[in-house]
Amino acid sequence: MKVSRFVFNMFGINTYVMWDVDSLEAAIVDPGMIDDNERNALDGFIDRNNLKVKHLINTHMHLDHIFGNAYIKEKYGLEIKAHPEDNFLGLTLREQASHFHLPLQLTDTGLDVELHDGDTIYLGKEPIKILSVPGHSPGSISLYCPESNFVITGDALFKGSIGRTDLPRGNQSQLLHSIEKTLFKLPDDTVVLPGHGPETTIGFEKSHNPFF
């Protein structure tokens, strides 16, 4: 499995494209594009690499991670896949934007396909395991690729930090428990690809993250 990162929108979120090198089947994770330049950057990458986009996945549905959902859904004919506990966020995208005073033309987009802890999605023959990590949002998930040794953690775990929990239905104690119970059980050399900022590893965070 290969993965490429794009940094989009005023919140600097990491949008990931992951793909199987044999089948060229791809997934777009947390599309955060807000303008034509960002949309063209993503589309151009997909075209140049002849990728066949099969999945649109949200690690969670805070506004910065779903700005591009409606565009990707329409352009590639995809269903929005996320945990059902975050559906209320997708359905209130415009309301979220108004709280940040963002003058953007947006479409509320709820999920189409529910993802739950223990589910598995495939790109080609390679599995992507769904891990539930609530706390930053009630439906936060991580995407673990054991054969390629990386995990996309959304806004649960960052290099040297964790996700904020002061947004609707956030819960810090729940988030800390999720990280310790689920993410810190992964092999120490697992590469962590977070929703913001640089990559890290599970082992580094276990040893150096000040929240633990």
C-alpha atoms as a PDB file:
ATOM      1  CA  MET A   1       0.000   0.000   0.000  1.00  0.00           C
ATOM      2  CA  LYS A   2       1.172   3.508  -0.799  1.00  0.00           C
ATOM      3  CA  VAL A   3      -0.124   6.696   0.766  1.00  0.00           C
ATOM      4  CA  SER A   4       0.269  10.350  -0.150  1.00  0.00           C
ATOM      5  CA  ARG A   5      -0.582  13.389   1.980  1.00  0.00           C
ATOM      6  CA  PHE A   6      -2.123  16.716   0.979  1.00  0.00           C
ATOM      7  CA  VAL A   7      -2.464  19.646   3.369  1.00  0.00           C
ATOM      8  CA  PHE A   8      -5.697  21.533   2.718  1.00  0.00           C
ATOM      9  CA  ASN A   9      -7.836  24.444   3.907  1.00  0.00           C
ATOM     10  CA  MET A  10      -7.356  27.094   6.572  1.00  0.00           C
ATOM     11  CA  PHE A  11      -7.161  24.439   9.304  1.00  0.00           C
ATOM     12  CA  GLY A  12      -4.195  22.676   7.661  1.00  0.00           C
ATOM     13  CA  ILE A  13      -5.740  19.215   7.675  1.00  0.00           C
ATOM     14  CA  ASN A  14      -4.049  16.174   6.202  1.00  0.00           C
ATOM     15  CA  THR A  15      -6.046  14.601   3.391  1.00  0.00           C
ATOM     16  CA  TYR A  16      -4.687  11.190   2.436  1.00  0.00           C
ATOM     17  CA  VAL A  17      -4.863   9.176  -0.759  1.00  0.00           C
ATOM     18  CA  MET A  18      -3.989   5.533  -0.171  1.00  0.00           C
ATOM     19  CA  TRP A  19      -3.775   2.968  -2.951  1.00  0.00           C
ATOM     20  CA  ASP A  20      -2.883  -0.605  -3.779  1.00  0.00           C
ATOM     21  CA  VAL A  21       0.072  -0.699  -6.161  1.00  0.00           C
ATOM     22  CA  ASP A  22      -1.154  -3.769  -8.065  1.00  0.00           C
ATOM     23  CA  SER A  23      -4.837  -3.012  -8.627  1.00  0.00           C
ATOM     24  CA  LEU A  24      -4.473   0.805  -8.361  1.00  0.00           C
ATOM     25  CA  GLU A  25      -7.629   0.821  -6.243  1.00  0.00           C
ATOM     26  CA  ALA A  26      -7.591   3.908  -4.032  1.00  0.00           C
ATOM     27  CA  ALA A  27      -9.287   5.521  -1.050  1.00  0.00           C
ATOM     28  CA  ILE A  28      -9.576   9.218  -0.265  1.00  0.00           C
ATOM     29  CA  VAL A  29      -9.472   9.879   3.470  1.00  0.00           C
ATOM     30  CA  ASP A  30     -10.805  13.132   4.948  1.00  0.00           C
ATOM     31  CA  PRO A  31     -11.131  15.291   1.818  1.00  0.00           C
ATOM     32  CA  GLY A  32     -10.610  18.837   3.057  1.00  0.00           C
ATOM     33  CA  MET A  33     -10.537  20.806  -0.211  1.00  0.00           C
ATOM     34  CA  ILE A  34     -12.246  24.205  -0.197  1.00  0.00           C
ATOM     35  CA  ASP A  35     -11.356  25.723  -3.590  1.00  0.00           C
ATOM     36  CA  ASP A  36     -10.511  24.836  -7.180  1.00  0.00           C
ATOM     37  CA  ASN A  37      -6.756  24.848  -6.565  1.00  0.00           C
ATOM     38  CA  GLU A  38      -7.083  22.240  -3.849  1.00  0.00           C
ATOM     39  CA  ARG A  39      -9.590  20.161  -5.801  1.00  0.00           C
ATOM     40  CA  ASN A  40      -7.362  20.252  -8.886  1.00  0.00           C
ATOM     41  CA  ALA A  41      -4.316  19.198  -6.859  1.00  0.00           C
ATOM     42  CA  LEU A  42      -6.108  16.083  -5.651  1.00  0.00           C
ATOM     43  CA  ASP A  43      -7.750  15.241  -8.978  1.00  0.00           C
ATOM     44  CA  GLY A  44      -4.483  15.762 -10.851  1.00  0.00           C
ATOM     45  CA  PHE A  45      -2.663  13.344  -8.567  1.00  0.00           C
ATOM     46  CA  ILE A  46      -5.348  10.707  -9.065  1.00  0.00           C
ATOM     47  CA  ASP A  47      -5.283  11.167 -12.851  1.00  0.00           C
ATOM     48  CA  ARG A  48      -1.479  11.089 -13.150  1.00  0.00           C
ATOM     49  CA  ASN A  49      -1.282   7.858 -11.196  1.00  0.00           C
ATOM     50  CA  ASN A  50      -4.252   6.227 -12.989  1.00  0.00           C
ATOM     51  CA  LEU A  51      -5.922   5.509  -9.673  1.00  0.00           C
ATOM     52  CA  LYS A  52      -9.355   3.921  -9.419  1.00  0.00           C
ATOM     53  CA  VAL A  53     -11.018   5.607  -6.452  1.00  0.00           C
ATOM     54  CA  LYS A  54     -13.168   3.071  -4.601  1.00  0.00           C
ATOM     55  CA  HIS A  55     -13.674   4.564  -1.146  1.00  0.00           C
ATOM     56  CA  LEU A  56     -14.368   7.917   0.520  1.00  0.00           C
ATOM     57  CA  ILE A  57     -13.661   7.558   4.233  1.00  0.00           C
ATOM     58  CA  ASN A  58     -13.941  10.075   7.054  1.00  0.00           C
ATOM     59  CA  THR A  59     -11.978   9.417  10.232  1.00  0.00           C
ATOM     60  CA  HIS A  60     -14.492  11.802  11.795  1.00  0.00           C
ATOM     61  CA  MET A  61     -16.859  14.473  10.538  1.00  0.00           C
ATOM     62  CA  HIS A  62     -15.670  17.782  11.931  1.00  0.00           C
ATOM     63  CA  LEU A  63     -15.968  20.436   9.241  1.00  0.00           C
ATOM     64  CA  ASP A  64     -12.287  20.676   8.256  1.00  0.00           C
ATOM     65  CA  HIS A  65     -12.192  16.964   7.400  1.00  0.00           C
ATOM     66  CA  ILE A  66     -15.363  16.920   5.285  1.00  0.00           C
ATOM     67  CA  PHE A  67     -15.268  20.160   3.278  1.00  0.00           C
ATOM     68  CA  GLY A  68     -14.659  18.092   0.129  1.00  0.00           C
ATOM     69  CA  ASN A  69     -17.118  15.273   0.790  1.00  0.00           C
ATOM     70  CA  ALA A  70     -19.864  16.485  -1.547  1.00  0.00           C
ATOM     71  CA  TYR A  71     -17.383  17.146  -4.366  1.00  0.00           C
ATOM     72  CA  ILE A  72     -15.664  13.752  -4.094  1.00  0.00           C
ATOM     73  CA  LYS A  73     -18.966  11.935  -3.739  1.00  0.00           C
ATOM     74  CA  GLU A  74     -20.300  13.462  -6.960  1.00  0.00           C
ATOM     75  CA  LYS A  75     -17.115  13.393  -9.058  1.00  0.00           C
ATOM     76  CA  TYR A  76     -16.148   9.795  -8.333  1.00  0.00           C
ATOM     77  CA  GLY A  77     -19.596   8.354  -7.650  1.00  0.00           C
ATOM     78  CA  LEU A  78     -18.714   7.279  -4.129  1.00  0.00           C
ATOM     79  CA  GLU A  79     -20.565   6.739  -0.874  1.00  0.00           C
ATOM     80  CA  ILE A  80     -19.455   8.551   2.277  1.00  0.00           C
ATOM     81  CA  LYS A  81     -18.181   6.030   4.817  1.00  0.00           C
ATOM     82  CA  ALA A  82     -17.873   6.984   8.474  1.00  0.00           C
ATOM     83  CA  HIS A  83     -18.936   5.945  11.954  1.00  0.00           C
ATOM     84  CA  PRO A  84     -22.658   6.588  12.586  1.00  0.00           C
ATOM     85  CA  GLU A  85     -21.986   8.434  15.852  1.00  0.00           C
ATOM     86  CA  ASP A  86     -20.541  11.289  13.762  1.00  0.00           C
ATOM     87  CA  ASN A  87     -23.402  11.533  11.294  1.00  0.00           C
ATOM     88  CA  PHE A  88     -24.879  14.523  13.158  1.00  0.00           C
ATOM     89  CA  LEU A  89     -21.707  16.457  12.318  1.00  0.00           C
ATOM     90  CA  GLY A  90     -21.979  15.771   8.601  1.00  0.00           C
ATOM     91  CA  LEU A  91     -25.589  16.883   8.675  1.00  0.00           C
ATOM     92  CA  THR A  92     -24.623  20.180  10.345  1.00  0.00           C
ATOM     93  CA  LEU A  93     -21.621  21.167   8.208  1.00  0.00           C
ATOM     94  CA  ARG A  94     -23.027  24.604   7.400  1.00  0.00           C
ATOM     95  CA  GLU A  95     -23.811  25.207  11.069  1.00  0.00           C
ATOM     96  CA  GLN A  96     -20.264  24.221  12.014  1.00  0.00           C
ATOM     97  CA  ALA A  97     -18.897  26.658   9.432  1.00  0.00           C
ATOM     98  CA  SER A  98     -21.059  29.472  10.769  1.00  0.00           C
ATOM     99  CA  HIS A  99     -19.575  28.966  14.242  1.00  0.00           C
ATOM    100  CA  PHE A 100     -16.145  29.683  12.745  1.00  0.00           C
ATOM    101  CA  HIS A 101     -17.548  32.602  10.692  1.00  0.00           C
ATOM    102  CA  LEU A 102     -16.492  30.952   7.423  1.00  0.00           C
ATOM    103  CA  PRO A 103     -18.177  32.451   4.327  1.00  0.00           C
ATOM    104  CA  LEU A 104     -18.185  29.200   2.359  1.00  0.00           C
ATOM    105  CA  GLN A 105     -20.877  27.685   0.151  1.00  0.00           C
ATOM    106  CA  LEU A 106     -21.270  24.214   1.674  1.00  0.00           C
ATOM    107  CA  THR A 107     -23.646  21.276   1.477  1.00  0.00           C
ATOM    108  CA  ASP A 108     -24.591  19.248   4.531  1.00  0.00           C
ATOM    109  CA  THR A 109     -23.583  15.654   3.799  1.00  0.00           C
ATOM    110  CA  GLY A 110     -24.407  12.799   6.124  1.00  0.00           C
ATOM    111  CA  LEU A 111     -22.839   9.388   5.771  1.00  0.00           C
ATOM    112  CA  ASP A 112     -24.046   6.702   3.364  1.00  0.00           C
ATOM    113  CA  VAL A 113     -22.246   3.641   4.735  1.00  0.00           C
ATOM    114  CA  GLU A 114     -21.646   2.964   8.421  1.00  0.00           C
ATOM    115  CA  LEU A 115     -18.212   1.878   9.610  1.00  0.00           C
ATOM    116  CA  HIS A 116     -17.854   0.143  12.961  1.00  0.00           C
ATOM    117  CA  ASP A 117     -15.006  -1.099  15.099  1.00  0.00           C
ATOM    118  CA  GLY A 118     -13.682  -4.364  13.685  1.00  0.00           C
ATOM    119  CA  ASP A 119     -14.882  -3.759  10.118  1.00  0.00           C
ATOM    120  CA  THR A 120     -12.443  -4.307   7.254  1.00  0.00           C
ATOM    121  CA  ILE A 121     -12.228  -2.479   3.930  1.00  0.00           C
ATOM    122  CA  TYR A 122     -10.026  -3.692   1.092  1.00  0.00           C
ATOM    123  CA  LEU A 123      -7.914  -1.984  -1.541  1.00  0.00           C
ATOM    124  CA  GLY A 124      -7.016  -4.805  -3.879  1.00  0.00           C
ATOM    125  CA  LYS A 125      -6.186  -7.658  -1.527  1.00  0.00           C
ATOM    126  CA  GLU A 126      -4.821  -5.498   1.269  1.00  0.00           C
ATOM    127  CA  PRO A 127      -7.014  -4.958   4.331  1.00  0.00           C
ATOM    128  CA  ILE A 128      -7.747  -1.683   6.082  1.00  0.00           C
ATOM    129  CA  LYS A 129      -8.968  -2.372   9.605  1.00  0.00           C
ATOM    130  CA  ILE A 130     -11.405   0.032  11.270  1.00  0.00           C
ATOM    131  CA  LEU A 131     -10.508   0.922  14.862  1.00  0.00           C
ATOM    132  CA  SER A 132     -12.940   2.882  17.010  1.00  0.00           C
ATOM    133  CA  VAL A 133     -11.184   5.675  18.946  1.00  0.00           C
ATOM    134  CA  PRO A 134     -13.937   7.943  20.328  1.00  0.00           C
ATOM    135  CA  GLY A 135     -13.206  11.030  22.375  1.00  0.00           C
ATOM    136  CA  HIS A 136     -12.223  13.787  19.950  1.00  0.00           C
ATOM    137  CA  SER A 137     -15.630  13.131  18.443  1.00  0.00           C
ATOM    138  CA  PRO A 138     -18.034  10.344  19.405  1.00  0.00           C
ATOM    139  CA  GLY A 139     -17.502   8.508  16.117  1.00  0.00           C
ATOM    140  CA  SER A 140     -13.772   8.960  15.582  1.00  0.00           C
ATOM    141  CA  ILE A 141     -12.081   6.015  13.879  1.00  0.00           C
ATOM    142  CA  SER A 142      -8.549   5.119  12.843  1.00  0.00           C
ATOM    143  CA  LEU A 143      -7.593   3.194   9.692  1.00  0.00           C
ATOM    144  CA  TYR A 144      -4.976   0.516  10.360  1.00  0.00           C
ATOM    145  CA  CYS A 145      -3.072  -1.140   7.518  1.00  0.00           C
ATOM    146  CA  PRO A 146      -1.141  -3.960   9.222  1.00  0.00           C
ATOM    147  CA  GLU A 147       0.564  -5.250   6.070  1.00  0.00           C
ATOM    148  CA  SER A 148       1.935  -1.783   5.277  1.00  0.00           C
ATOM    149  CA  ASN A 149       2.568  -0.903   8.933  1.00  0.00           C
ATOM    150  CA  PHE A 150       0.772   2.427   9.216  1.00  0.00           C
ATOM    151  CA  VAL A 151      -2.333   3.829  10.871  1.00  0.00           C
ATOM    152  CA  ILE A 152      -4.276   6.961   9.907  1.00  0.00           C
ATOM    153  CA  THR A 153      -5.433   8.327  13.253  1.00  0.00           C
ATOM    154  CA  GLY A 154      -7.534  11.345  12.281  1.00  0.00           C
ATOM    155  CA  ASP A 155      -7.536  13.802  15.177  1.00  0.00           C
ATOM    156  CA  ALA A 156      -7.208  11.207  17.917  1.00  0.00           C
ATOM    157  CA  LEU A 157      -3.396  11.101  18.168  1.00  0.00           C
ATOM    158  CA  PHE A 158      -0.798  13.606  16.930  1.00  0.00           C
ATOM    159  CA  LYS A 159       2.955  13.828  17.269  1.00  0.00           C
ATOM    160  CA  GLY A 160       3.364  14.873  20.878  1.00  0.00           C
ATOM    161  CA  SER A 161      -0.308  15.629  21.416  1.00  0.00           C
ATOM    162  CA  ILE A 162      -3.906  14.434  21.221  1.00  0.00           C
ATOM    163  CA  GLY A 163      -7.099  15.818  19.690  1.00  0.00           C
ATOM    164  CA  ARG A 164      -9.030  18.641  21.284  1.00  0.00           C
ATOM    165  CA  THR A 165     -12.117  17.612  23.209  1.00  0.00           C
ATOM    166  CA  ASP A 166     -13.924  20.930  23.687  1.00  0.00           C
ATOM    167  CA  LEU A 167     -16.127  20.494  20.606  1.00  0.00           C
ATOM    168  CA  PRO A 168     -19.651  18.974  20.763  1.00  0.00           C
ATOM    169  CA  ARG A 169     -19.658  15.553  22.447  1.00  0.00           C
ATOM    170  CA  GLY A 170     -15.886  15.500  22.904  1.00  0.00           C
ATOM    171  CA  ASN A 171     -14.574  13.694  25.982  1.00  0.00           C
ATOM    172  CA  GLN A 172     -10.922  13.803  27.027  1.00  0.00           C
ATOM    173  CA  SER A 173     -10.990  10.843  29.413  1.00  0.00           C
ATOM    174  CA  GLN A 174     -12.664   8.762  26.714  1.00  0.00           C
ATOM    175  CA  LEU A 175     -10.039   9.830  24.172  1.00  0.00           C
ATOM    176  CA  LEU A 176      -7.133   8.957  26.465  1.00  0.00           C
ATOM    177  CA  HIS A 177      -8.722   5.577  27.125  1.00  0.00           C
ATOM    178  CA  SER A 178      -9.230   4.997  23.382  1.00  0.00           C
ATOM    179  CA  ILE A 179      -5.600   5.734  22.616  1.00  0.00           C
ATOM    180  CA  GLU A 180      -4.237   3.540  25.399  1.00  0.00           C
ATOM    181  CA  LYS A 181      -6.666   0.671  24.803  1.00  0.00           C
ATOM    182  CA  THR A 182      -6.536   0.644  21.008  1.00  0.00           C
ATOM    183  CA  LEU A 183      -3.753   2.640  19.352  1.00  0.00           C
ATOM    184  CA  PHE A 184      -1.049   1.879  21.909  1.00  0.00           C
ATOM    185  CA  LYS A 185      -1.719  -1.848  21.420  1.00  0.00           C
ATOM    186  CA  LEU A 186      -0.381  -1.606  17.860  1.00  0.00           C
ATOM    187  CA  PRO A 187       3.299  -2.510  17.210  1.00  0.00           C
ATOM    188  CA  ASP A 188       5.709   0.199  18.328  1.00  0.00           C
ATOM    189  CA  ASP A 189       7.098   0.673  14.810  1.00  0.00           C
ATOM    190  CA  THR A 190       3.652   1.391  13.342  1.00  0.00           C
ATOM    191  CA  VAL A 191       3.811   4.722  11.501  1.00  0.00           C
ATOM    192  CA  VAL A 192       1.156   7.186  12.691  1.00  0.00           C
ATOM    193  CA  LEU A 193      -0.338   9.437   9.987  1.00  0.00           C
ATOM    194  CA  PRO A 194      -2.389  12.036  11.892  1.00  0.00           C
ATOM    195  CA  GLY A 195      -5.116  14.424  10.788  1.00  0.00           C
ATOM    196  CA  HIS A 196      -2.819  17.425  11.303  1.00  0.00           C
ATOM    197  CA  GLY A 197       0.941  17.800  11.428  1.00  0.00           C
ATOM    198  CA  PRO A 198       3.836  15.399  10.823  1.00  0.00           C
ATOM    199  CA  GLU A 199       3.936  11.645  11.092  1.00  0.00           C
ATOM    200  CA  THR A 200       5.219   9.829  14.147  1.00  0.00           C
ATOM    201  CA  THR A 201       5.227   6.249  15.469  1.00  0.00           C
ATOM    202  CA  ILE A 202       3.274   4.414  18.123  1.00  0.00           C
ATOM    203  CA  GLY A 203       6.450   3.687  20.070  1.00  0.00           C
ATOM    204  CA  PHE A 204       7.540   7.324  20.074  1.00  0.00           C
ATOM    205  CA  GLU A 205       4.160   8.474  21.375  1.00  0.00           C
ATOM    206  CA  LYS A 206       4.074   5.832  24.086  1.00  0.00           C
ATOM    207  CA  SER A 207       7.440   7.085  25.327  1.00  0.00           C
ATOM    208  CA  HIS A 208       7.244  10.827  24.688  1.00  0.00           C
ATOM    209  CA  ASN A 209       3.638  12.016  24.425  1.00  0.00           C
ATOM    210  CA  PRO A 210       3.104  14.304  27.471  1.00  0.00           C
ATOM    211  CA  PHE A 211      -0.536  13.196  27.850  1.00  0.00           C
ATOM    212  CA  PHE A 212       0.551   9.694  28.914  1.00  0.00           C
END
